Amino acid sequence: MAGAALLLAAPAVAIEPQKAPVTPGPVPCPSKGPGFVRFPGSGSCIRVSGRVAAGMDLRSATESAATPTVAGRLAIDNRADTDLGEVRTYVRIGNGRR
């Protein structure tokens, strides 16, 4: 108990917070099209897009309640300039009926 009283009686020492290094964020890349950004230190431009749709299927084949429907899609488009011309990588992942 006496040790706790000594700690509480000691003067408080303030520690100066250290500032985190600031890294630059993505830079717009309008030469490749709308939505493309270039990350610092990279020679390629990337665009990430997607969509989600939800609804109800009211034309159920059984007498049960309506069935909820959900569909989604994610697209990643990467473009880089090389000595042979532009190289494009495109990936699209989706599910559902839309």
N, C-alpha and C. Protein backbone atom coordinates (compact mmCIF):
# COMPACT_ATOMS: atom_id res chain seq x y z
N MET A 1 0.83 -1.19 0.00
CA MET A 1 0.00 0.00 0.00
C MET A 1 0.86 1.25 0.00
N ALA A 2 1.98 1.20 0.73
CA ALA A 2 2.87 2.36 0.81
C ALA A 2 3.54 2.60 -0.53
N GLY A 3 3.83 1.51 -1.27
CA GLY A 3 4.45 1.65 -2.60
C GLY A 3 3.52 2.35 -3.58
N ALA A 4 2.22 2.03 -3.49
CA ALA A 4 1.24 2.67 -4.37
C ALA A 4 1.12 4.15 -4.06
N ALA A 5 1.22 4.50 -2.78
CA ALA A 5 1.14 5.91 -2.39
C ALA A 5 2.34 6.68 -2.93
N LEU A 6 3.53 6.03 -2.96
CA LEU A 6 4.72 6.71 -3.49
C LEU A 6 4.59 6.94 -5.00
N LEU A 7 4.00 5.97 -5.71
CA LEU A 7 3.82 6.13 -7.15
C LEU A 7 2.84 7.24 -7.46
N LEU A 8 1.80 7.35 -6.67
CA LEU A 8 0.81 8.39 -6.90
C LEU A 8 1.34 9.77 -6.55
N ALA A 9 2.30 9.83 -5.64
CA ALA A 9 2.85 11.11 -5.22
C ALA A 9 3.95 11.60 -6.16
N ALA A 10 4.49 10.72 -7.01
CA ALA A 10 5.58 11.10 -7.92
C ALA A 10 5.04 12.02 -9.02
N PRO A 11 5.88 12.92 -9.51
CA PRO A 11 5.42 13.82 -10.58
C PRO A 11 5.18 13.04 -11.88
N ALA A 12 4.21 13.47 -12.62
CA ALA A 12 3.88 12.83 -13.90
C ALA A 12 4.86 13.29 -14.97
N VAL A 13 5.27 12.37 -15.80
CA VAL A 13 6.20 12.68 -16.88
C VAL A 13 5.45 12.56 -18.20
N ALA A 14 5.45 13.62 -18.98
CA ALA A 14 4.78 13.60 -20.28
C ALA A 14 5.73 13.07 -21.33
N ILE A 15 5.24 12.20 -22.16
CA ILE A 15 6.04 11.65 -23.25
C ILE A 15 5.55 12.29 -24.54
N GLU A 16 6.48 12.81 -25.31
CA GLU A 16 6.15 13.44 -26.59
C GLU A 16 5.76 12.36 -27.59
N PRO A 17 4.56 12.43 -28.17
CA PRO A 17 4.16 11.40 -29.14
C PRO A 17 5.00 11.50 -30.41
N GLN A 18 5.33 10.35 -30.94
CA GLN A 18 6.13 10.31 -32.16
C GLN A 18 5.19 10.37 -33.35
N LYS A 19 5.57 11.13 -34.34
CA LYS A 19 4.75 11.27 -35.54
C LYS A 19 5.07 10.14 -36.50
N ALA A 20 4.02 9.53 -37.03
CA ALA A 20 4.19 8.46 -38.00
C ALA A 20 4.63 9.05 -39.33
N PRO A 21 5.49 8.34 -40.06
CA PRO A 21 5.89 8.86 -41.37
C PRO A 21 4.70 8.89 -42.32
N VAL A 22 4.62 9.95 -43.08
CA VAL A 22 3.52 10.13 -44.03
C VAL A 22 3.92 9.52 -45.36
N THR A 23 3.11 8.57 -45.82
CA THR A 23 3.36 7.97 -47.13
C THR A 23 2.35 8.54 -48.12
N PRO A 24 2.80 8.85 -49.31
CA PRO A 24 1.86 9.41 -50.29
C PRO A 24 0.83 8.36 -50.70
N GLY A 25 -0.38 8.80 -50.95
CA GLY A 25 -1.46 7.90 -51.35
C GLY A 25 -1.48 7.69 -52.85
N PRO A 26 -2.50 7.02 -53.32
CA PRO A 26 -2.59 6.79 -54.76
C PRO A 26 -2.78 8.09 -55.53
N VAL A 27 -2.20 8.13 -56.73
CA VAL A 27 -2.25 9.30 -57.59
C VAL A 27 -3.17 8.99 -58.77
N PRO A 28 -4.07 9.90 -59.14
CA PRO A 28 -4.94 9.63 -60.30
C PRO A 28 -4.13 9.34 -61.57
N CYS A 29 -4.66 8.47 -62.39
CA CYS A 29 -4.00 8.06 -63.63
C CYS A 29 -5.00 8.27 -64.78
N PRO A 30 -5.25 9.53 -65.16
CA PRO A 30 -6.30 9.81 -66.15
C PRO A 30 -5.98 9.30 -67.55
N SER A 31 -4.73 9.00 -67.86
CA SER A 31 -4.41 8.53 -69.21
C SER A 31 -4.99 7.15 -69.49
N LYS A 32 -5.30 6.38 -68.45
CA LYS A 32 -5.86 5.04 -68.64
C LYS A 32 -7.38 5.02 -68.60
N GLY A 33 -7.99 6.10 -68.12
CA GLY A 33 -9.45 6.17 -68.06
C GLY A 33 -9.91 6.62 -66.70
N PRO A 34 -11.22 6.83 -66.54
CA PRO A 34 -11.74 7.28 -65.25
C PRO A 34 -11.63 6.20 -64.19
N GLY A 35 -11.27 6.59 -62.98
CA GLY A 35 -11.21 5.66 -61.86
C GLY A 35 -9.88 4.97 -61.66
N PHE A 36 -8.93 5.13 -62.57
CA PHE A 36 -7.63 4.48 -62.43
C PHE A 36 -6.73 5.30 -61.52
N VAL A 37 -5.95 4.61 -60.67
CA VAL A 37 -4.98 5.27 -59.79
C VAL A 37 -3.64 4.54 -59.90
N ARG A 38 -2.59 5.29 -59.64
CA ARG A 38 -1.23 4.73 -59.65
C ARG A 38 -0.68 4.83 -58.23
N PHE A 39 -0.20 3.71 -57.72
CA PHE A 39 0.40 3.71 -56.40
C PHE A 39 1.85 4.14 -56.50
N PRO A 40 2.35 4.87 -55.50
CA PRO A 40 3.74 5.34 -55.54
C PRO A 40 4.72 4.17 -55.67
N GLY A 41 5.68 4.32 -56.54
CA GLY A 41 6.68 3.27 -56.76
C GLY A 41 6.23 2.20 -57.74
N SER A 42 5.05 2.35 -58.30
CA SER A 42 4.52 1.36 -59.23
C SER A 42 4.39 1.98 -60.61
N GLY A 43 4.58 1.18 -61.64
CA GLY A 43 4.44 1.67 -63.00
C GLY A 43 3.09 1.34 -63.61
N SER A 44 2.22 0.69 -62.84
CA SER A 44 0.92 0.30 -63.40
C SER A 44 -0.20 1.08 -62.75
N CYS A 45 -1.31 1.16 -63.48
CA CYS A 45 -2.52 1.84 -62.99
C CYS A 45 -3.59 0.78 -62.74
N ILE A 46 -4.34 0.94 -61.66
CA ILE A 46 -5.33 -0.06 -61.28
C ILE A 46 -6.66 0.61 -60.99
N ARG A 47 -7.75 -0.12 -61.32
CA ARG A 47 -9.10 0.34 -60.99
C ARG A 47 -9.84 -0.86 -60.39
N VAL A 48 -10.47 -0.64 -59.23
CA VAL A 48 -11.28 -1.66 -58.58
C VAL A 48 -12.72 -1.17 -58.60
N SER A 49 -13.62 -1.99 -59.11
CA SER A 49 -15.03 -1.61 -59.17
C SER A 49 -15.89 -2.83 -58.86
N GLY A 50 -17.16 -2.61 -58.69
CA GLY A 50 -18.07 -3.71 -58.42
C GLY A 50 -19.47 -3.22 -58.23
N ARG A 51 -20.37 -4.17 -57.97
CA ARG A 51 -21.75 -3.82 -57.71
C ARG A 51 -22.40 -4.93 -56.90
N VAL A 52 -23.48 -4.55 -56.21
CA VAL A 52 -24.26 -5.50 -55.42
C VAL A 52 -25.73 -5.20 -55.70
N ALA A 53 -26.53 -6.24 -55.89
CA ALA A 53 -27.97 -6.09 -56.09
C ALA A 53 -28.69 -7.09 -55.20
N ALA A 54 -29.77 -6.66 -54.60
CA ALA A 54 -30.56 -7.54 -53.74
C ALA A 54 -32.03 -7.34 -54.05
N GLY A 55 -32.82 -8.38 -53.85
CA GLY A 55 -34.26 -8.27 -54.12
C GLY A 55 -34.98 -9.50 -53.64
N MET A 56 -36.23 -9.62 -54.07
CA MET A 56 -37.07 -10.76 -53.70
C MET A 56 -37.61 -11.41 -54.96
N ASP A 57 -37.55 -12.73 -55.01
CA ASP A 57 -38.13 -13.49 -56.12
C ASP A 57 -39.55 -13.88 -55.73
N LEU A 58 -40.54 -13.20 -56.30
CA LEU A 58 -41.93 -13.41 -55.93
C LEU A 58 -42.59 -14.53 -56.73
N ARG A 59 -41.95 -15.04 -57.74
CA ARG A 59 -42.53 -16.10 -58.56
C ARG A 59 -42.02 -17.47 -58.10
N SER A 60 -42.15 -17.74 -56.85
CA SER A 60 -41.70 -18.99 -56.26
C SER A 60 -42.50 -20.17 -56.82
N ALA A 61 -41.83 -21.27 -57.12
CA ALA A 61 -42.48 -22.44 -57.70
C ALA A 61 -43.27 -23.22 -56.66
N THR A 62 -42.97 -23.03 -55.41
CA THR A 62 -43.69 -23.74 -54.35
C THR A 62 -44.64 -22.78 -53.65
N GLU A 63 -45.37 -23.30 -52.70
CA GLU A 63 -46.32 -22.49 -51.94
C GLU A 63 -45.64 -21.72 -50.81
N SER A 64 -44.34 -21.86 -50.66
CA SER A 64 -43.63 -21.20 -49.57
C SER A 64 -43.48 -19.70 -49.84
N ALA A 65 -42.88 -19.02 -48.92
CA ALA A 65 -42.70 -17.56 -49.03
C ALA A 65 -41.72 -17.23 -50.16
N ALA A 66 -41.65 -15.97 -50.48
CA ALA A 66 -40.77 -15.50 -51.55
C ALA A 66 -39.30 -15.77 -51.19
N THR A 67 -38.48 -15.95 -52.21
CA THR A 67 -37.07 -16.25 -52.03
C THR A 67 -36.23 -14.98 -52.22
N PRO A 68 -35.36 -14.65 -51.25
CA PRO A 68 -34.50 -13.48 -51.45
C PRO A 68 -33.41 -13.79 -52.48
N THR A 69 -33.06 -12.81 -53.28
CA THR A 69 -31.99 -12.97 -54.27
C THR A 69 -30.93 -11.91 -54.02
N VAL A 70 -29.69 -12.33 -54.12
CA VAL A 70 -28.55 -11.42 -53.95
C VAL A 70 -27.55 -11.74 -55.05
N ALA A 71 -27.03 -10.70 -55.68
CA ALA A 71 -26.01 -10.87 -56.72
C ALA A 71 -24.93 -9.83 -56.50
N GLY A 72 -23.71 -10.19 -56.83
CA GLY A 72 -22.62 -9.25 -56.67
C GLY A 72 -21.53 -9.50 -57.69
N ARG A 73 -20.71 -8.48 -57.89
CA ARG A 73 -19.60 -8.61 -58.83
C ARG A 73 -18.47 -7.70 -58.39
N LEU A 74 -17.24 -8.19 -58.51
CA LEU A 74 -16.04 -7.43 -58.22
C LEU A 74 -15.14 -7.49 -59.45
N ALA A 75 -14.66 -6.34 -59.90
CA ALA A 75 -13.79 -6.28 -61.08
C ALA A 75 -12.50 -5.54 -60.73
N ILE A 76 -11.38 -6.09 -61.16
CA ILE A 76 -10.07 -5.47 -60.97
C ILE A 76 -9.43 -5.34 -62.35
N ASP A 77 -9.09 -4.12 -62.73
CA ASP A 77 -8.50 -3.83 -64.04
C ASP A 77 -7.13 -3.21 -63.80
N ASN A 78 -6.08 -3.85 -64.29
CA ASN A 78 -4.71 -3.37 -64.11
C ASN A 78 -4.09 -3.13 -65.48
N ARG A 79 -3.49 -1.97 -65.67
CA ARG A 79 -2.85 -1.64 -66.96
C ARG A 79 -1.45 -1.09 -66.71
N ALA A 80 -0.50 -1.58 -67.50
CA ALA A 80 0.90 -1.15 -67.36
C ALA A 80 1.49 -0.92 -68.74
N ASP A 81 2.30 0.13 -68.85
CA ASP A 81 3.01 0.41 -70.10
C ASP A 81 4.33 -0.34 -70.09
N THR A 82 4.62 -1.07 -71.18
CA THR A 82 5.88 -1.79 -71.32
C THR A 82 6.53 -1.38 -72.65
N ASP A 83 7.69 -1.94 -72.91
CA ASP A 83 8.38 -1.67 -74.17
C ASP A 83 7.60 -2.21 -75.37
N LEU A 84 6.79 -3.23 -75.14
CA LEU A 84 6.00 -3.83 -76.21
C LEU A 84 4.62 -3.21 -76.36
N GLY A 85 4.28 -2.27 -75.51
CA GLY A 85 2.96 -1.65 -75.52
C GLY A 85 2.27 -1.85 -74.18
N GLU A 86 1.00 -1.53 -74.16
CA GLU A 86 0.24 -1.64 -72.91
C GLU A 86 -0.13 -3.10 -72.63
N VAL A 87 0.07 -3.52 -71.39
CA VAL A 87 -0.33 -4.86 -70.94
C VAL A 87 -1.48 -4.67 -69.98
N ARG A 88 -2.57 -5.42 -70.21
CA ARG A 88 -3.77 -5.28 -69.39
C ARG A 88 -4.10 -6.61 -68.73
N THR A 89 -4.41 -6.56 -67.45
CA THR A 89 -4.88 -7.71 -66.70
C THR A 89 -6.26 -7.36 -66.16
N TYR A 90 -7.24 -8.21 -66.43
CA TYR A 90 -8.60 -7.94 -66.03
C TYR A 90 -9.17 -9.18 -65.35
N VAL A 91 -9.69 -9.02 -64.14
CA VAL A 91 -10.29 -10.12 -63.40
C VAL A 91 -11.68 -9.68 -62.97
N ARG A 92 -12.67 -10.52 -63.22
CA ARG A 92 -14.02 -10.23 -62.76
C ARG A 92 -14.57 -11.47 -62.08
N ILE A 93 -15.04 -11.29 -60.85
CA ILE A 93 -15.61 -12.38 -60.07
C ILE A 93 -17.05 -11.99 -59.75
N GLY A 94 -17.98 -12.90 -60.00
CA GLY A 94 -19.37 -12.58 -59.73
C GLY A 94 -20.17 -13.80 -59.35
N ASN A 95 -21.33 -13.54 -58.77
CA ASN A 95 -22.27 -14.61 -58.47
C ASN A 95 -23.68 -14.09 -58.67
N GLY A 96 -24.64 -14.98 -58.66
CA GLY A 96 -26.03 -14.57 -58.80
C GLY A 96 -26.47 -14.60 -60.25
N ARG A 97 -27.69 -14.15 -60.46
CA ARG A 97 -28.31 -14.22 -61.78
C ARG A 97 -28.26 -12.91 -62.54
N ARG A 98 -27.79 -11.84 -61.95
CA ARG A 98 -27.81 -10.54 -62.62
C ARG A 98 -26.58 -10.34 -63.42
